[in-house]
Protein backbone atom coordinates (compact mmCIF):
# COMPACT_ATOMS: atom_id res chain seq x y z
CA MET A 1 -4.91 31.52 -100.77
CA SER A 2 -6.50 34.76 -101.29
CA THR A 3 -8.05 38.31 -99.33
CA THR A 4 -11.04 40.00 -99.07
CA SER A 5 -10.89 43.67 -99.26
CA GLY A 6 -11.66 45.07 -95.61
CA ASN A 7 -11.96 41.54 -94.07
CA PRO A 8 -8.83 40.69 -91.57
CA GLN A 9 -9.22 36.91 -92.00
CA ASP A 10 -7.43 35.61 -94.83
CA ASN A 11 -9.00 32.99 -97.50
CA VAL A 12 -6.59 30.15 -97.48
CA THR A 13 -6.62 26.37 -98.08
CA GLN A 14 -5.18 24.25 -95.41
CA LEU A 15 -2.72 21.31 -96.90
CA ASN A 16 -1.86 18.31 -94.60
CA ASP A 17 1.72 18.56 -94.11
CA PRO A 18 3.38 14.93 -92.84
CA ILE A 19 5.68 16.39 -90.29
CA PHE A 20 3.69 19.28 -88.48
CA ASN A 21 0.61 17.63 -87.24
CA VAL A 22 -0.45 15.47 -84.30
CA GLY A 23 -2.74 12.68 -84.87
CA GLY A 24 -3.71 14.28 -88.05
CA ILE A 25 -4.65 17.40 -87.04
CA LYS A 26 -2.42 20.26 -88.32
CA THR A 27 -0.05 22.23 -86.09
CA ARG A 28 1.94 25.76 -86.69
CA ARG A 29 5.26 25.14 -88.37
CA VAL A 30 8.23 25.45 -86.67
CA GLU A 31 10.93 28.23 -88.14
CA PRO A 32 13.98 26.30 -88.79
CA ARG A 33 16.22 29.32 -87.04
CA ASN A 34 16.00 31.43 -83.96
CA THR A 35 14.66 34.90 -84.09
CA PRO A 36 16.99 37.38 -83.50
CA THR A 37 16.21 40.70 -81.64
CA THR A 38 15.52 44.01 -83.61
CA VAL A 39 17.13 46.28 -81.01
CA ASN A 40 20.31 47.81 -82.63
CA ALA A 41 19.35 45.73 -85.79
CA VAL A 42 19.68 49.07 -87.73
CA TYR A 43 23.48 48.87 -87.39
CA ASN A 44 23.75 45.45 -89.17
CA PHE A 45 24.90 45.84 -92.62
CA ARG A 46 22.80 42.50 -93.66
CA ASN A 47 19.94 41.16 -91.99
CA PHE A 48 18.83 37.31 -91.24
CA TRP A 49 21.13 35.18 -90.12
CA ASP A 50 22.40 34.01 -93.35
CA GLY A 51 22.36 37.74 -94.54
CA ARG A 52 20.25 37.42 -97.52
CA ALA A 53 17.94 40.81 -96.47
CA GLN A 54 20.13 43.08 -98.68
CA ASN A 55 22.08 46.35 -97.79
CA TYR A 56 19.82 47.94 -100.64
CA PHE A 57 16.26 47.53 -100.15
CA ASN A 58 14.36 47.66 -103.80
CA GLY A 59 11.12 48.20 -102.64
CA VAL A 60 9.69 44.73 -102.93
CA ASN A 61 11.43 41.88 -101.37
CA PRO A 62 14.63 40.88 -99.46
CA PHE A 63 16.71 40.87 -102.09
CA GLY A 64 17.94 43.67 -103.69
CA LYS A 65 20.00 44.45 -106.52
CA ARG A 66 19.94 40.60 -106.73
CA ASP A 67 16.50 40.46 -108.27
CA PRO A 68 16.43 42.90 -111.49
CA ASN A 69 12.63 42.03 -111.93
CA ALA A 70 12.03 44.24 -108.79
CA LYS A 71 9.89 47.29 -109.90
CA LEU A 72 7.49 49.72 -108.60
CA TYR A 73 5.19 52.02 -110.63
CA LYS A 74 5.84 55.69 -109.56
CA ALA A 75 3.44 58.63 -111.09
CA GLY A 76 3.99 61.78 -112.90
CA ILE A 77 1.01 64.19 -114.77
CA SER A 78 -1.59 62.38 -114.09
CA LEU A 79 -3.01 62.28 -118.12
CA PHE A 80 0.23 59.88 -118.47
CA PRO A 81 0.50 56.28 -117.22
CA PRO A 82 2.72 55.87 -113.83
CA GLN A 83 6.37 54.41 -114.77
CA GLN A 84 8.12 51.62 -113.83
CA VAL A 85 11.37 52.56 -111.66
CA SER A 86 13.74 50.56 -109.69
CA VAL A 87 14.33 51.87 -106.17
CA GLN A 88 17.59 51.31 -104.55
CA LEU A 89 17.98 52.70 -100.91
CA LYS A 90 21.26 51.98 -99.23
CA ASN A 91 22.07 51.16 -95.86
CA SER A 92 18.14 49.59 -95.54
CA SER A 93 18.79 46.11 -95.04
CA LEU A 94 16.01 46.37 -92.00
CA ALA A 95 13.50 46.82 -95.02
CA SER A 96 14.52 44.35 -97.12
CA GLN A 97 14.38 41.87 -94.09
CA ALA A 98 11.05 43.67 -93.02
CA VAL A 99 9.12 42.69 -96.34
CA GLY A 100 10.38 38.84 -95.69
CA PRO A 101 8.22 37.73 -93.30
CA PRO A 102 4.82 38.84 -94.54
CA LEU A 103 4.80 36.40 -97.58
CA SER A 104 6.52 33.50 -95.44
CA SER A 105 3.98 30.56 -95.23
CA PHE A 106 6.37 29.80 -92.31
CA GLU A 107 5.36 33.10 -90.17
CA MET A 108 2.67 35.91 -91.45
CA SER A 109 1.14 34.21 -94.44
CA ALA A 110 1.08 31.13 -97.12
CA ASP A 111 1.83 30.39 -100.61
CA GLY A 112 0.78 32.43 -103.57
CA ARG A 113 0.06 35.80 -101.08
CA THR A 114 1.44 38.76 -102.62
CA PHE A 115 1.98 42.47 -101.14
CA GLU A 116 -0.84 43.98 -103.29
CA ASP A 117 -3.68 41.17 -101.81
CA ILE A 118 -2.83 42.58 -98.03
CA SER A 119 -2.75 46.17 -99.29
CA ASN A 120 -6.09 45.74 -100.25
CA LYS A 121 -7.50 44.88 -96.90
CA THR A 122 -6.00 48.24 -95.41
CA VAL A 123 -6.39 50.36 -98.11
CA GLY A 124 -9.72 49.53 -100.32
CA THR A 125 -9.77 50.34 -104.25
CA THR A 126 -9.53 53.71 -105.74
CA SER A 127 -10.54 52.98 -109.13
CA LEU A 128 -14.06 53.95 -110.75
CA LEU A 129 -15.03 50.14 -110.77
CA GLY A 130 -14.82 49.91 -107.18
CA GLY A 131 -16.39 46.75 -104.97
CA ILE A 132 -16.55 45.19 -108.92
CA ILE A 133 -13.09 45.13 -109.16
CA ASP A 134 -12.80 43.96 -105.62
CA ILE A 135 -14.59 40.54 -106.77
CA PHE A 136 -11.44 40.05 -109.03
CA LYS A 137 -9.07 41.35 -106.69
CA SER A 138 -9.80 38.54 -103.97
CA LEU A 139 -9.21 35.98 -106.63
CA PRO A 140 -6.18 33.52 -106.08
CA THR A 141 -3.43 34.79 -108.28
CA GLY A 142 -1.09 31.37 -108.16
CA LEU A 143 1.89 34.13 -109.00
CA LYS A 144 3.96 34.67 -105.45
CA LEU A 145 4.58 38.55 -106.54
CA PRO A 146 5.57 40.10 -103.13
CA ARG A 147 3.00 42.85 -103.37
CA ASP A 148 -0.66 41.43 -102.66
CA LEU A 149 -0.14 42.09 -99.09
CA GLY A 150 -1.68 45.58 -99.90
CA GLN A 151 -5.15 44.49 -100.56
CA LYS A 152 -5.12 43.36 -97.18
CA LEU A 153 -4.31 46.03 -95.23
CA LEU A 154 -5.52 49.33 -96.93
CA SER A 155 -9.47 48.75 -96.82
CA ALA A 156 -10.87 52.11 -95.37
CA ASN A 157 -12.74 49.83 -93.24
CA LEU A 158 -9.34 48.45 -90.97
CA LYS A 159 -8.18 50.72 -88.57
CA ALA A 160 -4.24 50.73 -87.63
CA LEU A 161 -3.81 48.22 -84.76
CA GLY A 162 -7.85 47.75 -84.72
CA GLN A 163 -7.60 44.70 -82.25
CA GLN A 164 -5.01 45.44 -80.32
CA ASN A 165 -4.84 47.55 -77.34
CA VAL A 166 -2.88 50.94 -76.88
CA ALA A 167 -1.70 52.47 -73.79
CA VAL A 168 -2.63 56.03 -73.28
CA ASP A 169 0.66 56.62 -72.51
CA ASP A 170 2.40 54.92 -75.44
CA SER A 171 5.30 57.23 -76.45
CA VAL A 172 4.71 57.00 -80.31
CA LEU A 173 0.86 55.86 -80.45
CA GLY A 174 -0.57 57.90 -77.66
CA ILE A 175 -1.70 60.65 -79.63
CA TYR A 176 -3.38 58.62 -82.51
CA ARG A 177 -4.98 55.98 -80.07
CA ALA A 178 -8.78 55.63 -80.85
CA SER A 179 -11.32 56.55 -78.34
CA ASP A 180 -12.08 53.11 -77.41
CA GLY A 181 -8.59 52.21 -76.43
CA LYS A 182 -8.19 49.74 -79.60
CA GLY A 183 -5.89 50.32 -82.22
CA LEU A 184 -5.63 54.17 -83.86
CA ASN A 185 -7.81 56.83 -84.79
CA GLN A 186 -6.58 56.40 -88.39
CA ASN A 187 -6.59 54.11 -90.83
CA TYR A 188 -3.50 52.36 -92.83
CA LYS A 189 -4.29 54.67 -95.91
CA GLN A 190 -4.02 57.87 -94.27
CA LEU A 191 -0.88 56.76 -92.54
CA ILE A 192 0.69 56.27 -95.86
CA GLN A 193 -0.95 59.52 -97.30
CA ALA A 194 0.56 61.36 -94.63
CA ALA A 195 4.02 59.73 -94.81
CA PHE A 196 5.19 59.38 -98.23
CA GLN A 197 5.19 61.44 -101.34
CA PRO A 198 2.19 61.36 -103.59
CA GLU A 199 3.85 60.16 -106.58
CA TRP A 200 4.06 56.83 -104.96
CA TRP A 201 0.04 56.54 -104.16
CA ASN A 202 -1.97 58.68 -106.21
CA SER A 203 -2.85 58.25 -109.53
CA PRO A 204 -6.19 57.70 -111.50
CA TRP A 205 -4.27 54.80 -113.13
CA SER A 206 -4.79 51.28 -111.99
CA ILE A 207 -1.60 48.87 -112.24
CA GLN A 208 -3.09 45.26 -113.99
CA VAL A 209 -0.56 42.15 -113.56
CA ASP A 210 -1.26 38.90 -115.79
CA LYS A 211 -2.30 35.94 -113.55
CA ASN A 212 -0.30 33.36 -116.24
CA ASP A 213 3.14 35.34 -117.00
CA GLY A 214 3.19 38.36 -114.80
CA SER A 215 3.32 40.61 -117.00
CA ARG A 216 2.09 44.41 -115.78
CA GLN A 217 1.03 47.57 -117.56
CA ALA A 218 -0.96 50.82 -116.29
CA VAL A 219 -4.35 51.08 -117.02
CA LEU A 220 -6.94 54.05 -117.07
CA LEU A 221 -10.16 52.20 -116.16
CA GLY A 222 -13.81 53.74 -116.10
CA LEU A 223 -17.42 52.47 -115.88
CA GLY A 224 -17.57 50.73 -119.35
CA SER A 225 -14.10 49.10 -118.80
CA ILE A 226 -14.42 45.17 -119.36
CA ILE A 227 -12.94 43.07 -116.40
CA ASP A 228 -10.47 40.66 -117.65
CA PRO A 229 -10.43 37.59 -115.19
CA ASN A 230 -6.81 36.90 -116.26
CA LYS A 231 -5.77 39.78 -114.77
CA LYS A 232 -5.31 41.39 -111.40
CA THR A 233 -5.75 44.85 -111.13
CA TYR A 234 -4.42 47.29 -108.36
CA ALA A 235 -4.28 50.72 -107.25
CA LEU A 236 -0.91 52.61 -107.11
CA MET A 237 -1.00 52.61 -103.50
CA GLU A 238 -1.85 48.72 -103.54
CA TYR A 239 0.82 48.11 -105.88
CA ASN A 240 3.54 50.04 -104.16
CA PHE A 241 3.00 48.82 -100.42
CA SER A 242 5.99 46.69 -100.29
CA LEU A 243 7.98 49.85 -100.32
CA PHE A 244 5.52 51.99 -97.57
CA PHE A 245 5.47 48.27 -95.70
CA GLY A 246 9.41 48.42 -95.68
CA LEU A 247 10.37 51.66 -94.86
CA ALA A 248 8.21 51.90 -92.01
CA VAL A 249 9.10 48.89 -90.38
CA GLN A 250 12.99 50.04 -90.57
CA LEU A 251 11.96 53.38 -89.66
CA TYR A 252 10.48 52.44 -86.43
CA GLU A 253 13.01 49.67 -85.70
CA SER A 254 15.46 52.81 -86.06
CA THR A 255 14.20 53.93 -83.01
CA LEU A 256 14.88 50.81 -80.81
CA ILE A 257 18.50 51.79 -80.33
CA SER A 258 19.78 50.79 -76.77
CA ASP A 259 23.41 52.73 -75.66
CA ASN A 260 22.45 53.43 -72.14
CA ALA A 261 23.35 49.72 -70.48
CA PRO A 262 26.51 50.06 -67.50
CA ILE A 263 29.15 48.99 -70.09
CA ASP A 264 27.98 52.56 -72.22
CA GLN A 265 28.16 54.22 -68.41
CA TYR A 266 31.61 52.79 -67.84
CA PHE A 267 32.82 54.07 -70.89
CA ASP A 268 31.40 57.76 -70.44
CA GLY A 269 33.58 57.68 -67.21
CA ASN A 270 31.71 56.20 -64.67
CA GLN A 271 34.32 53.51 -63.00
CA ASN A 272 31.66 52.42 -60.52
CA ALA A 273 29.14 51.46 -63.46
CA LEU A 274 30.66 47.97 -63.57
CA THR A 275 30.93 45.44 -60.67
CA PRO A 276 34.87 44.01 -59.90
CA GLN A 277 33.71 40.71 -61.13
CA GLN A 278 32.12 42.48 -64.41
CA VAL A 279 35.65 44.53 -64.99
CA ARG A 280 37.42 40.90 -64.56
CA GLY A 281 34.53 38.94 -67.27
CA LYS A 282 35.39 42.66 -69.53
CA GLN A 283 38.93 41.68 -69.38
CA LEU A 284 38.10 38.19 -70.44
CA PHE A 285 35.90 39.29 -73.22
CA GLU A 286 38.74 41.36 -74.51
CA GLY A 287 41.60 38.83 -74.21
CA ALA A 288 41.86 35.20 -73.16
CA ALA A 289 38.29 34.35 -74.32
CA LYS A 290 38.33 36.14 -77.98
CA CYS A 291 35.01 37.06 -77.88
CA ILE A 292 35.76 40.58 -79.00
CA ASN A 293 37.29 39.34 -82.17
CA CYS A 294 33.69 38.70 -83.22
CA HIS A 295 31.56 40.59 -81.41
CA GLY A 296 33.62 43.76 -81.36
CA GLY A 297 32.54 47.84 -81.55
CA ALA A 298 29.98 49.47 -79.53
CA GLU A 299 27.31 47.62 -81.61
CA PHE A 300 29.18 44.41 -80.12
CA THR A 301 28.84 42.51 -83.07
CA ASN A 302 31.48 42.18 -86.80
CA ALA A 303 28.47 42.29 -88.68
CA SER A 304 27.82 46.01 -88.51
CA VAL A 305 27.55 48.65 -91.16
CA LYS A 306 30.78 50.45 -89.78
CA ASN A 307 32.73 47.55 -89.53
CA VAL A 308 31.68 46.07 -92.67
CA GLN A 309 30.96 48.40 -95.28
CA ASP A 310 34.41 49.25 -96.19
CA GLN A 311 36.00 45.57 -95.90
CA ARG A 312 32.90 43.45 -97.10
CA LEU A 313 35.14 40.43 -97.66
CA GLU A 314 38.59 39.10 -95.37
CA PRO A 315 41.11 36.74 -95.94
CA MET A 316 41.15 34.27 -92.29
CA THR A 317 42.85 31.11 -91.63
CA MET A 318 40.82 28.84 -90.79
CA GLY A 319 40.47 26.23 -88.37
CA ASP A 320 42.31 23.53 -90.15
CA GLY A 321 45.13 26.11 -90.82
CA GLN A 322 44.36 27.14 -94.38
CA GLN A 323 43.88 30.47 -95.55
CA ALA A 324 40.24 31.02 -97.18
CA VAL A 325 38.59 34.56 -98.03
CA TYR A 326 34.77 34.99 -95.96
CA ASP A 327 32.08 37.28 -95.69
CA ASN A 328 33.10 39.78 -92.99
CA GLY A 329 30.82 39.09 -89.83
CA PHE A 330 29.85 35.69 -90.91
CA TYR A 331 31.21 32.78 -88.92
CA ASN A 332 31.11 29.02 -89.07
CA ILE A 333 31.40 28.25 -85.34
CA GLY A 334 30.22 24.55 -84.90
CA VAL A 335 27.02 25.28 -83.26
CA ARG A 336 25.86 22.62 -85.46
CA PRO A 337 27.31 20.51 -88.72
CA THR A 338 28.28 22.83 -91.38
CA THR A 339 25.63 20.60 -93.79
CA ASP A 340 22.95 20.45 -91.49
CA ASP A 341 22.22 24.59 -92.37
CA LEU A 342 24.58 26.02 -95.23
CA GLY A 343 23.60 29.76 -93.76
CA VAL A 344 25.69 32.34 -95.82
CA GLY A 345 27.09 29.46 -98.13
CA GLY A 346 23.57 28.94 -99.54
CA LYS A 347 22.22 30.32 -102.51
CA ASP A 348 19.43 33.13 -103.23
CA PRO A 349 16.04 32.33 -105.18
CA PHE A 350 18.02 33.45 -108.48
CA GLY A 351 20.47 31.22 -108.13
CA ASN A 352 23.25 33.23 -106.57
CA PRO A 353 25.80 32.55 -103.75
CA LEU A 354 24.34 34.40 -100.53
CA SER A 355 27.83 34.91 -99.96
CA GLU A 356 29.47 37.91 -101.40
CA SER A 357 32.97 36.41 -101.57
CA ARG A 358 31.46 33.67 -103.86
CA VAL A 359 29.87 36.50 -105.88
CA ALA A 360 33.10 38.31 -105.66
CA GLN A 361 34.68 34.97 -107.00
CA LEU A 362 32.02 34.85 -110.05
CA GLY A 363 32.95 38.49 -110.83
CA LYS A 364 29.45 39.72 -110.22
CA PHE A 365 29.57 42.05 -107.19
CA GLN A 366 28.75 44.96 -109.12
CA GLN A 367 25.88 43.26 -110.96
CA LEU A 368 24.38 41.89 -107.64
CA LEU A 369 25.48 44.32 -104.66
CA GLY A 370 26.30 47.55 -106.42
CA ALA A 371 29.72 48.20 -105.39
CA THR A 372 33.47 47.02 -105.97
CA PRO A 373 34.85 44.31 -103.83
CA ASN A 374 37.52 45.47 -101.44
CA ILE A 375 39.34 42.90 -102.64
CA THR A 376 39.97 40.57 -105.88
CA VAL A 377 39.02 36.93 -105.29
CA SER A 378 40.59 34.48 -107.77
CA PRO A 379 38.50 31.77 -109.63
CA ASN A 380 40.45 29.40 -107.38
CA GLN A 381 40.69 30.79 -104.28
CA ARG A 382 39.17 29.00 -101.15
CA ILE A 383 35.77 30.70 -99.55
CA ALA A 384 34.84 29.99 -96.37
CA ALA A 385 30.74 30.20 -96.25
CA ASP A 386 29.37 27.00 -95.73
CA GLY A 387 27.74 27.16 -92.52
CA ALA A 388 28.67 30.35 -91.24
CA PHE A 389 26.16 32.56 -89.95
CA LYS A 390 25.89 36.67 -89.13
CA VAL A 391 27.14 37.43 -85.57
CA PRO A 392 24.64 38.92 -83.83
CA THR A 393 24.66 41.40 -81.31
CA LEU A 394 25.47 40.91 -77.70
CA ARG A 395 23.78 44.20 -76.52
CA ASN A 396 20.85 42.70 -74.44
CA VAL A 397 21.66 39.48 -74.61
CA GLU A 398 20.62 38.37 -71.14
CA LEU A 399 17.11 39.30 -72.42
CA THR A 400 17.12 37.17 -75.71
CA ALA A 401 17.61 33.75 -74.92
CA PRO A 402 17.72 31.15 -76.53
CA TYR A 403 20.90 31.14 -78.19
CA PHE A 404 22.65 30.77 -81.66
CA HIS A 405 21.01 30.33 -84.89
CA ASN A 406 19.15 27.48 -83.79
CA GLY A 407 18.07 27.89 -80.47
CA GLY A 408 20.30 25.58 -79.11
CA LYS A 409 21.45 26.97 -75.89
CA LEU A 410 18.76 28.15 -72.77
CA THR A 411 21.47 30.30 -70.60
CA LEU A 412 24.42 32.30 -71.13
CA LYS A 413 26.05 30.10 -68.57
CA GLU A 414 25.83 27.01 -71.41
CA VAL A 415 26.87 29.14 -74.30
CA VAL A 416 30.16 30.23 -72.26
CA GLU A 417 30.44 26.41 -71.94
CA PHE A 418 30.11 26.06 -75.32
CA TYR A 419 32.99 28.49 -76.53
CA ASN A 420 35.41 26.96 -73.73
CA ARG A 421 35.31 23.67 -75.69
CA GLY A 422 35.59 25.04 -78.83
CA GLY A 423 32.20 24.80 -79.95
CA ASP A 424 30.14 21.20 -80.28
CA PHE A 425 31.42 20.46 -84.04
CA HIS A 426 35.08 21.49 -84.01
CA GLU A 427 36.35 18.47 -86.39
CA GLU A 428 33.44 18.18 -88.55
CA ASN A 429 33.48 21.95 -89.46
CA ILE A 430 36.97 22.47 -89.28
CA ALA A 431 38.11 23.51 -93.02
CA ASN A 432 35.01 26.44 -92.50
CA LEU A 433 35.38 26.89 -88.79
CA ASP A 434 36.56 30.02 -87.39
CA ALA A 435 39.86 30.00 -85.93
CA ASP A 436 39.30 31.41 -82.85
CA ILE A 437 36.53 28.31 -82.32
CA GLN A 438 39.19 26.42 -79.72
CA ASN A 439 39.06 25.17 -76.34
CA LEU A 440 39.86 28.42 -73.70
CA ASN A 441 40.66 26.48 -70.85
CA LEU A 442 38.55 28.81 -68.43
CA SER A 443 37.96 28.21 -65.08
CA ASP A 444 34.31 28.02 -63.26
CA GLN A 445 35.38 31.62 -61.82
CA ASP A 446 36.38 32.62 -65.30
CA LYS A 447 32.93 31.57 -66.55
CA ASP A 448 30.94 33.17 -64.12
CA ASP A 449 32.79 36.23 -64.56
CA LEU A 450 32.18 36.38 -68.43
CA VAL A 451 28.75 35.82 -67.56
CA ALA A 452 28.60 38.70 -65.24
CA PHE A 453 29.87 40.93 -67.86
CA LEU A 454 27.20 39.94 -70.45
CA LYS A 455 24.42 40.95 -68.17
CA ALA A 456 26.48 44.61 -68.17
CA LEU A 457 25.18 44.73 -71.60
CA THR A 458 21.29 45.31 -71.10
CA ASP A 459 19.73 48.81 -71.08
CA GLU A 460 17.22 48.67 -68.36
CA ARG A 461 14.71 50.54 -70.58
CA VAL A 462 14.76 47.70 -72.81
CA ARG A 463 14.45 45.50 -69.62
CA TYR A 464 11.24 47.34 -68.35
CA GLU A 465 10.01 48.29 -71.49
CA LYS A 466 10.20 51.71 -71.44
CA ALA A 467 10.25 53.80 -74.40
CA PRO A 468 11.32 54.01 -76.95
CA PHE A 469 10.95 50.03 -76.26
CA ASP A 470 7.11 50.48 -75.19
CA HIS A 471 4.44 48.95 -77.20
CA PRO A 472 0.89 47.88 -77.69
CA GLN A 473 -1.18 44.84 -76.93
CA LEU A 474 1.02 41.98 -78.72
CA PHE A 475 -0.42 38.28 -79.18
CA VAL A 476 2.40 35.70 -79.67
CA HIS A 477 1.32 32.50 -81.00
CA ASN A 478 2.55 29.68 -78.29
CA GLY A 479 1.91 26.40 -79.65
CA HIS A 480 -1.34 24.45 -79.02
CA PRO A 481 -3.49 23.16 -76.19
CA GLY A 482 -2.42 19.45 -75.45
CA ASN A 483 0.65 17.34 -75.85
CA GLU A 484 2.57 15.35 -78.37
CA THR A 485 0.24 12.91 -78.99
CA SER A 486 -3.20 14.89 -78.84
CA VAL A 487 -4.37 18.37 -79.47
CA THR A 488 -7.49 20.12 -79.67
CA ASN A 489 -8.83 20.74 -83.20
CA ASP A 490 -10.44 23.76 -83.52
CA GLY A 491 -13.16 22.44 -85.74
CA THR A 492 -11.54 22.95 -89.21
CA GLY A 493 -8.38 20.16 -89.13
CA LYS A 494 -6.50 22.45 -87.49
CA ALA A 495 -5.25 22.80 -83.97
CA THR A 496 -6.64 25.12 -81.62
CA ASP A 497 -4.15 28.25 -81.11
CA ASP A 498 -2.48 28.64 -77.63
CA LEU A 499 -1.84 32.90 -77.37
CA LEU A 500 0.23 34.44 -75.02
CA GLU A 501 -0.84 38.07 -74.04
CA ILE A 502 1.79 40.55 -73.92
CA PRO A 503 0.00 43.40 -72.46
CA SER A 504 0.39 46.95 -73.91
CA VAL A 505 2.69 49.40 -71.81
CA GLY A 506 3.56 52.89 -72.06
CA ARG A 507 6.35 55.38 -72.24
CA ASN A 508 7.31 54.74 -68.40
CA GLY A 509 7.51 50.84 -68.83
CA ARG A 510 6.64 48.05 -66.21
CA SER A 511 7.36 47.82 -62.43
CA THR A 512 7.55 44.24 -62.86
CA PRO A 513 9.72 43.04 -66.42
CA PRO A 514 8.46 40.55 -68.40
CA SER A 515 9.74 36.80 -67.61
CA ASN A 516 12.77 35.80 -69.36
CA PHE A 517 12.60 32.71 -71.90
CA LEU A 518 11.40 30.12 -69.26
CA ALA A 519 12.47 32.06 -66.68
CA THR A 520 15.89 30.98 -66.50
CA PRO A 521 18.63 32.89 -65.15
């Protein structure tokens, strides 16, 4: 696939998929995991269910120090070429997470696209060769470098959010709102120039990437330059677009802090903020139900920076009574058989374990994670990582159905019943199972009390989309018109998309909150 400078539409070749089709008509693929909330996600030490979005952001992709070839270019004196540099920004796993979906063929991209391609659509070229170079920029690379995204978004012809309505009273974007209400009055290039230091985007030098071996070099191009069709050429702003994208998304998401739920008001001294039933549920949460053992702290997750940063590895007695070392904040709770999805027990693209416990066991902790392990893991020590997933926050959990990494439970009542029976695959997963996953013998009243308490974790600003949770108009793909035997063909062999519109909303939010998942309680 490729992109064309200034054109919002990608150039893609649709491939046949033996699974995701109806009667031979191509349909959108379904993600293998359920999407967690981004509200309060800034407090997570690592992100994604399997923790692959690293605490260190390398400016290029989700893998932090794990990828030794993740490099950016930084300009100095204009007469000298920009130099390759490594970027390592600590406590930036949200930025690491942000640069994953734009290059995922399951989500926002297609195979072969890179961040530079996407940036070209929003910035355009700054080289003297102008439109001639653009022709070569739009050629497919065959290289899955995480930078071609920049060529898509950085054309001067594409204003930011140009196809979305923005509320006049949007708490952040209102002052930038275009006069016609569609998008902003600035393009992405202008926004980058205003937000980032010029050494990351301002240079007469361009960066060339060899399509065959991925090698790159800084070049100073002029009108007499010879175009090499085996190389792709990027302006510095295009090449470094993944840095801008990741940090911008992280900084926005770091404003999505939910801290005014009834539970917060209760902890602040308002004893009437919780109902008597919610108080009973709180006692169960902290006691017999053992929820707090994994959903601890003000973040209501053990995967938080505060909980993990100084104690990344911990020994634990597993469900089978045997000792093992595990990644703090990641647990196997018997949602599915362990072998269905290894979670943090899987590997990164470079063949290294995602599990930090296993990285420590290999003696690569400093090399891959940039720190010293808090405990020593011997070569023969048992590791509990397979089938373990990051503990999600429970804040606003009432609003985030369906539940678990596979979206396998529809309601909070179903979730409580799952824990009450000791998971769905207790015996199958026993060697890796968290020891707290066991039959709890809760009464029906206990279950109702726990659900009531979980609803006390909802911040009404989130429910009603009040600032800072207001947003521009959004469109969500919602399947295809038709059914399991027949879908509408859009004329190209693909199924017509059914889009769900989420209207723009300003700082004061909505009078009626959006419906919850399938409008269930």
